[in-house]
Amino acid sequence: MYDPKTLAPGDVLLMTGRPRLTLGGLLDAAIEWSTVSPFVHAAIVAEGCMVEALWTVTRSPLDKYAGDGWAYRVQATPEQAQAAWGWATDRVGQRYGIAELMDDALFDAAHIPLYGRVTPHRLTCSGLVSVAYQKAGVNLTWHPFPSPADLSFSPLLLGPRPWKGAA
């Protein structure tokens, strides 16, 4: 649904769910259900690739989600966009595993620090995008541990939304 040739570094990609007969599809279904949103994954565009948090923060090809992704330009200066995708790129290789995900989910649900910490162990996909822009001085959302749905409602993301019938 997005054209990789039109992407610019700093753009935010939000993806919809995959087929349900895979482990990833079941996780997507759980994210859709829990957030009441079609968006299940987020990434930030860097130079010639996207940066996304999977089991680790990873560089991926720009066309990886072209069939089920939505691209958004961020209302930010070119310097802020560069700072955001640069910060995300510097995180490539950082682990994010299921144990951290569950611990972070419990922290988020209870809104209390676990083991004395006040931030997640690692960054989720949408957390990576949100924190990258926060570090650049742009708050896409005020949610401390955002989901892709939280990002989708940011007035700073410029572009169509699936629920408005535009592609």
Protein backbone atom coordinates (compact mmCIF):
# COMPACT_ATOMS: atom_id res chain seq x y z
CA MET A 1 0.00 0.00 0.00
CA TYR A 2 3.01 2.30 0.16
CA ASP A 3 5.51 2.88 -2.62
CA PRO A 4 9.10 2.35 -1.36
CA LYS A 5 10.36 4.85 -3.97
CA THR A 6 8.41 7.66 -2.27
CA LEU A 7 9.81 7.09 1.22
CA ALA A 8 12.20 9.53 2.84
CA PRO A 9 14.47 8.95 5.84
CA GLY A 10 12.48 9.71 8.98
CA ASP A 11 9.15 8.50 7.59
CA VAL A 12 7.14 6.25 9.89
CA LEU A 13 5.71 2.97 8.61
CA LEU A 14 2.71 1.35 10.28
CA MET A 15 1.77 -2.16 9.22
CA THR A 16 -1.47 -4.12 9.31
CA GLY A 17 -1.73 -7.79 10.32
CA ARG A 18 -0.56 -10.93 8.55
CA PRO A 19 -2.43 -14.21 7.92
CA ARG A 20 -3.48 -15.85 11.18
CA LEU A 21 -1.99 -19.31 10.54
CA THR A 22 1.50 -18.35 11.67
CA LEU A 23 3.02 -17.45 15.02
CA GLY A 24 3.50 -13.89 13.74
CA GLY A 25 -0.11 -13.84 12.57
CA LEU A 26 -1.35 -14.91 15.99
CA LEU A 27 0.74 -12.19 17.63
CA ASP A 28 -0.67 -9.67 15.13
CA ALA A 29 -4.21 -10.81 16.00
CA ALA A 30 -3.49 -10.31 19.71
CA ILE A 31 -2.14 -6.80 19.07
CA GLU A 32 -5.17 -5.93 16.89
CA TRP A 33 -7.54 -7.23 19.55
CA SER A 34 -5.82 -5.54 22.48
CA THR A 35 -5.43 -2.15 20.79
CA VAL A 36 -8.63 -2.18 18.69
CA SER A 37 -6.58 -1.06 15.71
CA PRO A 38 -5.58 -2.50 12.34
CA PHE A 39 -1.94 -1.53 13.02
CA VAL A 40 0.30 -4.20 14.53
CA HIS A 41 3.87 -3.09 13.76
CA ALA A 42 5.90 0.10 13.32
CA ALA A 43 9.25 1.02 11.76
CA ILE A 44 11.22 4.12 10.88
CA VAL A 45 12.78 4.74 7.48
CA ALA A 46 16.56 5.30 7.40
CA GLU A 47 18.86 5.76 4.40
CA GLY A 48 18.07 2.92 2.00
CA CYS A 49 16.37 0.72 4.60
CA MET A 50 13.90 0.67 7.46
CA VAL A 51 14.80 0.12 11.09
CA GLU A 52 12.41 -2.07 13.08
CA ALA A 53 12.38 -3.85 16.44
CA LEU A 54 11.74 -7.56 15.94
CA TRP A 55 13.67 -9.96 18.22
CA THR A 56 16.48 -7.46 17.77
CA VAL A 57 16.51 -3.99 16.30
CA THR A 58 17.11 -4.75 12.63
CA ARG A 59 17.67 -3.09 9.27
CA SER A 60 15.17 -4.37 6.70
CA PRO A 61 14.48 -3.64 3.02
CA LEU A 62 12.12 -0.74 2.33
CA ASP A 63 9.71 -2.93 0.36
CA LYS A 64 9.32 -5.57 3.10
CA TYR A 65 5.82 -4.40 4.11
CA ALA A 66 4.81 -2.46 0.99
CA GLY A 67 1.70 -4.62 0.54
CA ASP A 68 0.35 -4.12 4.05
CA GLY A 69 2.05 -0.96 5.29
CA TRP A 70 1.05 2.66 5.53
CA ALA A 71 3.67 5.40 5.22
CA TYR A 72 3.54 8.66 7.13
CA ARG A 73 5.68 11.75 6.84
CA VAL A 74 6.39 13.24 10.26
CA GLN A 75 5.78 16.91 10.88
CA ALA A 76 9.37 17.64 11.90
CA THR A 77 12.37 19.54 10.61
CA PRO A 78 14.84 17.69 8.37
CA GLU A 79 17.35 17.87 11.24
CA GLN A 80 14.87 16.27 13.64
CA ALA A 81 14.03 13.51 11.15
CA GLN A 82 17.73 12.81 10.63
CA ALA A 83 18.34 12.73 14.39
CA ALA A 84 15.42 10.30 14.84
CA TRP A 85 16.41 7.77 12.19
CA GLY A 86 20.06 8.13 13.19
CA TRP A 87 19.22 7.30 16.80
CA ALA A 88 17.17 4.27 15.68
CA THR A 89 19.98 3.09 13.41
CA ASP A 90 22.41 3.28 16.32
CA ARG A 91 20.21 0.72 18.14
CA VAL A 92 20.57 -1.95 15.41
CA GLY A 93 21.51 -5.23 17.11
CA GLN A 94 19.86 -4.41 20.46
CA ARG A 95 17.96 -7.49 21.69
CA TYR A 96 14.24 -7.60 22.26
CA GLY A 97 13.00 -11.02 23.33
CA ILE A 98 9.76 -12.53 24.57
CA ALA A 99 10.86 -12.41 28.24
CA GLU A 100 11.45 -8.67 28.02
CA LEU A 101 8.16 -8.24 26.14
CA MET A 102 6.19 -10.02 28.88
CA ASP A 103 7.95 -8.12 31.66
CA ASP A 104 7.36 -4.83 29.87
CA ALA A 105 3.68 -5.75 29.27
CA LEU A 106 3.21 -6.40 33.00
CA PHE A 107 4.92 -3.09 33.78
CA ASP A 108 2.67 -1.25 31.32
CA ALA A 109 -0.50 -2.96 32.57
CA ALA A 110 0.23 -2.27 36.22
CA HIS A 111 1.86 1.15 35.70
CA ILE A 112 4.29 0.31 38.48
CA PRO A 113 8.03 -0.19 38.25
CA LEU A 114 9.14 -3.82 38.27
CA TYR A 115 12.46 -4.49 39.97
CA GLY A 116 12.91 -0.76 40.53
CA ARG A 117 13.09 0.19 36.85
CA VAL A 118 11.09 3.01 35.29
CA THR A 119 11.60 2.25 31.60
CA PRO A 120 11.15 -0.94 29.56
CA HIS A 121 14.07 -3.37 29.26
CA ARG A 122 14.08 -3.01 25.50
CA LEU A 123 12.17 -1.08 22.86
CA THR A 124 9.14 -2.50 21.12
CA CYS A 125 8.61 -1.60 17.47
CA SER A 126 6.45 1.42 18.24
CA GLY A 127 8.57 2.33 21.25
CA LEU A 128 11.63 2.46 18.99
CA VAL A 129 9.88 4.91 16.66
CA SER A 130 8.44 7.00 19.48
CA VAL A 131 11.68 7.26 21.48
CA ALA A 132 13.70 7.99 18.32
CA TYR A 133 11.55 11.05 17.71
CA GLN A 134 11.51 12.00 21.40
CA LYS A 135 15.32 12.05 21.34
CA ALA A 136 15.03 14.42 18.35
CA GLY A 137 12.66 16.73 20.25
CA VAL A 138 9.38 15.56 18.68
CA ASN A 139 6.70 13.85 20.79
CA LEU A 140 4.60 11.68 18.50
CA THR A 141 2.55 10.46 21.45
CA TRP A 142 2.47 11.05 25.18
CA HIS A 143 1.90 7.37 25.96
CA PRO A 144 5.00 6.11 27.79
CA PHE A 145 4.90 2.66 26.13
CA PRO A 146 3.07 3.28 22.85
CA SER A 147 1.47 0.71 20.60
CA PRO A 148 1.28 1.12 16.83
CA ALA A 149 -2.30 2.29 17.45
CA ASP A 150 -1.04 5.09 19.71
CA LEU A 151 1.30 6.25 16.95
CA SER A 152 -1.50 6.10 14.37
CA PHE A 153 -3.45 8.79 16.22
CA SER A 154 -0.54 11.23 16.35
CA PRO A 155 -1.46 14.51 14.65
CA LEU A 156 2.22 14.77 13.68
CA LEU A 157 1.95 11.80 11.30
CA LEU A 158 0.86 13.18 7.95
CA GLY A 159 -0.97 10.80 5.63
CA PRO A 160 -4.17 8.76 5.21
CA ARG A 161 -5.58 6.40 7.81
CA PRO A 162 -7.17 3.05 6.87
CA TRP A 163 -10.38 3.86 8.73
CA LYS A 164 -10.90 6.96 6.56
CA GLY A 165 -11.19 4.83 3.43
CA ALA A 166 -8.06 6.25 1.73
CA ALA A 167 -5.23 4.12 0.41
